[in-house]
Amino acid sequence: MSTAKSPISTPHAPAPAHTFHQGVRKGPFVQVSGQGPVDPATSEYLFPGDVAAQTTRTLENVKAIVEGAGATFDDVVMLRVYLTKREDFPIMNDAYGAFVEANCPGGVLPARTTVFTGLPREEMLVEIDAFAITD
């Protein structure tokens, strides 16, 4: 028997700007769409030029969507980080590490890939997506 996939929607993360959902759940699997440093209440991009603050805000949005799927951030097994500038890596990495360690009380941190690329909006320095598996 196949489990139907269902969209994830929460007011605690930014509404998608295009033709996709904040995330999708199928059985125990949760895929979070790429998130940026956007305020869910105003849809404004935050912290121009500050990759550390953008990383934290982006991870807060990812966490809200994971929780909107009925999971916890500790259920995240993989995060993909997209950065626009290689020189931002150590700053992003420090902010990322602080957030992930604080939100993974089980002590097993998610796997991660970091990619350097262009992003859809000029003010975005970071974008992050996630994959979680729930019990």
C-alpha atoms as a PDB file:
ATOM      1  CA  MET A   1       0.000   0.000   0.000  1.00  0.00           C
ATOM      2  CA  SER A   2       1.379   3.385  -1.000  1.00  0.00           C
ATOM      3  CA  THR A   3       1.151   6.422   1.235  1.00  0.00           C
ATOM      4  CA  ALA A   4      -0.150   9.567  -0.440  1.00  0.00           C
ATOM      5  CA  LYS A   5       2.083  12.589  -0.410  1.00  0.00           C
ATOM      6  CA  SER A   6       0.772  15.697   1.296  1.00  0.00           C
ATOM      7  CA  PRO A   7       1.804  19.350   1.250  1.00  0.00           C
ATOM      8  CA  ILE A   8       3.244  20.990   4.336  1.00  0.00           C
ATOM      9  CA  SER A   9       1.981  24.447   5.142  1.00  0.00           C
ATOM     10  CA  THR A  10       2.708  26.556   8.209  1.00  0.00           C
ATOM     11  CA  PRO A  11       2.285  30.271   8.924  1.00  0.00           C
ATOM     12  CA  HIS A  12       5.552  30.120  10.903  1.00  0.00           C
ATOM     13  CA  ALA A  13       7.631  30.028   7.707  1.00  0.00           C
ATOM     14  CA  PRO A  14       7.449  32.149   4.555  1.00  0.00           C
ATOM     15  CA  ALA A  15       4.772  31.277   2.025  1.00  0.00           C
ATOM     16  CA  PRO A  16       6.277  29.906  -1.185  1.00  0.00           C
ATOM     17  CA  ALA A  17       6.734  32.573  -3.838  1.00  0.00           C
ATOM     18  CA  HIS A  18       6.259  30.203  -6.774  1.00  0.00           C
ATOM     19  CA  THR A  19       4.644  26.924  -7.778  1.00  0.00           C
ATOM     20  CA  PHE A  20       5.809  24.676  -4.953  1.00  0.00           C
ATOM     21  CA  HIS A  21       4.915  23.933  -1.344  1.00  0.00           C
ATOM     22  CA  GLN A  22       6.938  24.800   1.760  1.00  0.00           C
ATOM     23  CA  GLY A  23       7.520  21.083   2.001  1.00  0.00           C
ATOM     24  CA  VAL A  24       6.081  17.682   1.126  1.00  0.00           C
ATOM     25  CA  ARG A  25       5.518  14.654   3.324  1.00  0.00           C
ATOM     26  CA  LYS A  26       5.150  11.059   2.105  1.00  0.00           C
ATOM     27  CA  GLY A  27       4.941   8.500   4.871  1.00  0.00           C
ATOM     28  CA  PRO A  28       7.844   9.107   7.249  1.00  0.00           C
ATOM     29  CA  PHE A  29       9.746  11.244   4.714  1.00  0.00           C
ATOM     30  CA  VAL A  30       9.697  15.049   4.858  1.00  0.00           C
ATOM     31  CA  GLN A  31      11.330  17.210   2.193  1.00  0.00           C
ATOM     32  CA  VAL A  32      11.587  20.936   2.941  1.00  0.00           C
ATOM     33  CA  SER A  33      11.834  23.271  -0.048  1.00  0.00           C
ATOM     34  CA  GLY A  34      14.773  25.649  -0.175  1.00  0.00           C
ATOM     35  CA  GLN A  35      14.369  28.455   2.349  1.00  0.00           C
ATOM     36  CA  GLY A  36      15.979  31.851   2.595  1.00  0.00           C
ATOM     37  CA  PRO A  37      16.288  34.608   5.188  1.00  0.00           C
ATOM     38  CA  VAL A  38      12.678  35.728   4.911  1.00  0.00           C
ATOM     39  CA  ASP A  39      10.389  36.989   7.662  1.00  0.00           C
ATOM     40  CA  PRO A  40       7.269  34.774   7.607  1.00  0.00           C
ATOM     41  CA  ALA A  41       5.018  37.630   8.749  1.00  0.00           C
ATOM     42  CA  THR A  42       6.117  40.263   6.217  1.00  0.00           C
ATOM     43  CA  SER A  43       7.749  38.209   3.408  1.00  0.00           C
ATOM     44  CA  GLU A  44      10.674  40.652   3.599  1.00  0.00           C
ATOM     45  CA  TYR A  45      14.256  39.490   3.082  1.00  0.00           C
ATOM     46  CA  LEU A  46      16.212  40.141   6.272  1.00  0.00           C
ATOM     47  CA  PHE A  47      19.781  40.971   7.278  1.00  0.00           C
ATOM     48  CA  PRO A  48      21.292  42.241   4.011  1.00  0.00           C
ATOM     49  CA  GLY A  49      25.002  41.460   3.871  1.00  0.00           C
ATOM     50  CA  ASP A  50      24.987  39.446   7.135  1.00  0.00           C
ATOM     51  CA  VAL A  51      25.468  35.766   6.252  1.00  0.00           C
ATOM     52  CA  ALA A  52      25.460  34.660   9.913  1.00  0.00           C
ATOM     53  CA  ALA A  53      22.075  36.247  10.641  1.00  0.00           C
ATOM     54  CA  GLN A  54      20.721  35.054   7.284  1.00  0.00           C
ATOM     55  CA  THR A  55      21.836  31.497   8.073  1.00  0.00           C
ATOM     56  CA  THR A  56      20.094  31.518  11.451  1.00  0.00           C
ATOM     57  CA  ARG A  57      16.854  32.994  10.034  1.00  0.00           C
ATOM     58  CA  THR A  58      16.907  30.482   7.180  1.00  0.00           C
ATOM     59  CA  LEU A  59      17.349  27.562   9.598  1.00  0.00           C
ATOM     60  CA  GLU A  60      14.485  28.904  11.732  1.00  0.00           C
ATOM     61  CA  ASN A  61      12.290  28.767   8.617  1.00  0.00           C
ATOM     62  CA  VAL A  62      13.434  25.198   7.864  1.00  0.00           C
ATOM     63  CA  LYS A  63      12.710  24.178  11.460  1.00  0.00           C
ATOM     64  CA  ALA A  64       9.197  25.693  11.313  1.00  0.00           C
ATOM     65  CA  ILE A  65       8.369  23.668   8.204  1.00  0.00           C
ATOM     66  CA  VAL A  66       9.767  20.449   9.690  1.00  0.00           C
ATOM     67  CA  GLU A  67       7.630  21.070  12.764  1.00  0.00           C
ATOM     68  CA  GLY A  68       4.652  21.849  10.512  1.00  0.00           C
ATOM     69  CA  ALA A  69       5.022  18.293   9.195  1.00  0.00           C
ATOM     70  CA  GLY A  70       4.728  16.922  12.728  1.00  0.00           C
ATOM     71  CA  ALA A  71       8.459  16.229  13.032  1.00  0.00           C
ATOM     72  CA  THR A  72      11.268  17.836  15.020  1.00  0.00           C
ATOM     73  CA  PHE A  73      14.524  19.363  13.866  1.00  0.00           C
ATOM     74  CA  ASP A  74      16.218  16.354  15.463  1.00  0.00           C
ATOM     75  CA  ASP A  75      14.490  14.236  12.743  1.00  0.00           C
ATOM     76  CA  VAL A  76      16.457  16.063  10.013  1.00  0.00           C
ATOM     77  CA  VAL A  77      18.989  13.705   8.443  1.00  0.00           C
ATOM     78  CA  MET A  78      20.282  15.972   5.651  1.00  0.00           C
ATOM     79  CA  LEU A  79      20.676  19.703   5.048  1.00  0.00           C
ATOM     80  CA  ARG A  80      21.879  21.285   1.825  1.00  0.00           C
ATOM     81  CA  VAL A  81      23.332  24.772   2.096  1.00  0.00           C
ATOM     82  CA  TYR A  82      23.688  26.991  -0.948  1.00  0.00           C
ATOM     83  CA  LEU A  83      26.042  29.977  -0.601  1.00  0.00           C
ATOM     84  CA  THR A  84      26.787  32.757  -3.060  1.00  0.00           C
ATOM     85  CA  LYS A  85      30.343  33.438  -1.868  1.00  0.00           C
ATOM     86  CA  ARG A  86      33.072  31.000  -0.862  1.00  0.00           C
ATOM     87  CA  GLU A  87      34.483  33.520   1.630  1.00  0.00           C
ATOM     88  CA  ASP A  88      31.177  33.368   3.570  1.00  0.00           C
ATOM     89  CA  PHE A  89      31.679  29.676   4.353  1.00  0.00           C
ATOM     90  CA  PRO A  90      33.380  30.022   7.780  1.00  0.00           C
ATOM     91  CA  ILE A  91      30.843  32.613   8.959  1.00  0.00           C
ATOM     92  CA  MET A  92      27.908  30.492   7.759  1.00  0.00           C
ATOM     93  CA  ASN A  93      29.502  27.400   9.282  1.00  0.00           C
ATOM     94  CA  ASP A  94      29.743  29.008  12.744  1.00  0.00           C
ATOM     95  CA  ALA A  95      26.100  30.167  12.710  1.00  0.00           C
ATOM     96  CA  TYR A  96      24.965  26.843  11.245  1.00  0.00           C
ATOM     97  CA  GLY A  97      26.893  24.867  13.873  1.00  0.00           C
ATOM     98  CA  ALA A  98      25.438  26.856  16.769  1.00  0.00           C
ATOM     99  CA  PHE A  99      21.870  26.423  15.487  1.00  0.00           C
ATOM    100  CA  VAL A 100      22.142  22.735  14.634  1.00  0.00           C
ATOM    101  CA  GLU A 101      23.826  21.789  17.908  1.00  0.00           C
ATOM    102  CA  ALA A 102      21.178  23.690  19.889  1.00  0.00           C
ATOM    103  CA  ASN A 103      18.331  22.002  17.983  1.00  0.00           C
ATOM    104  CA  CYS A 104      19.579  18.404  17.883  1.00  0.00           C
ATOM    105  CA  PRO A 105      19.283  17.288  21.510  1.00  0.00           C
ATOM    106  CA  GLY A 106      19.851  13.679  20.459  1.00  0.00           C
ATOM    107  CA  GLY A 107      23.446  14.650  19.656  1.00  0.00           C
ATOM    108  CA  VAL A 108      23.464  13.222  16.117  1.00  0.00           C
ATOM    109  CA  LEU A 109      23.894  16.127  13.727  1.00  0.00           C
ATOM    110  CA  PRO A 110      22.415  15.970  10.211  1.00  0.00           C
ATOM    111  CA  ALA A 111      24.586  15.208   7.209  1.00  0.00           C
ATOM    112  CA  ARG A 112      25.292  18.291   5.073  1.00  0.00           C
ATOM    113  CA  THR A 113      26.347  19.363   1.633  1.00  0.00           C
ATOM    114  CA  THR A 114      27.427  22.934   0.857  1.00  0.00           C
ATOM    115  CA  VAL A 115      27.253  24.251  -2.691  1.00  0.00           C
ATOM    116  CA  PHE A 116      28.484  27.602  -4.018  1.00  0.00           C
ATOM    117  CA  THR A 117      26.079  29.020  -6.586  1.00  0.00           C
ATOM    118  CA  GLY A 118      23.960  31.961  -7.659  1.00  0.00           C
ATOM    119  CA  LEU A 119      20.643  32.376  -5.823  1.00  0.00           C
ATOM    120  CA  PRO A 120      17.272  33.695  -7.061  1.00  0.00           C
ATOM    121  CA  ARG A 121      17.454  37.030  -5.233  1.00  0.00           C
ATOM    122  CA  GLU A 122      20.459  39.330  -5.023  1.00  0.00           C
ATOM    123  CA  GLU A 123      19.969  39.933  -1.278  1.00  0.00           C
ATOM    124  CA  MET A 124      20.093  36.192  -0.542  1.00  0.00           C
ATOM    125  CA  LEU A 125      23.499  35.037   0.633  1.00  0.00           C
ATOM    126  CA  VAL A 126      22.258  31.608   1.736  1.00  0.00           C
ATOM    127  CA  GLU A 127      19.502  29.109   0.948  1.00  0.00           C
ATOM    128  CA  ILE A 128      18.930  25.822   2.798  1.00  0.00           C
ATOM    129  CA  ASP A 129      16.727  22.788   2.180  1.00  0.00           C
ATOM    130  CA  ALA A 130      16.240  19.747   4.397  1.00  0.00           C
ATOM    131  CA  PHE A 131      15.248  16.100   4.431  1.00  0.00           C
ATOM    132  CA  ALA A 132      13.796  14.529   7.578  1.00  0.00           C
ATOM    133  CA  ILE A 133      12.620  11.036   8.453  1.00  0.00           C
ATOM    134  CA  THR A 134      10.094  10.533  11.226  1.00  0.00           C
ATOM    135  CA  ASP A 135       9.067   7.445  13.167  1.00  0.00           C
END
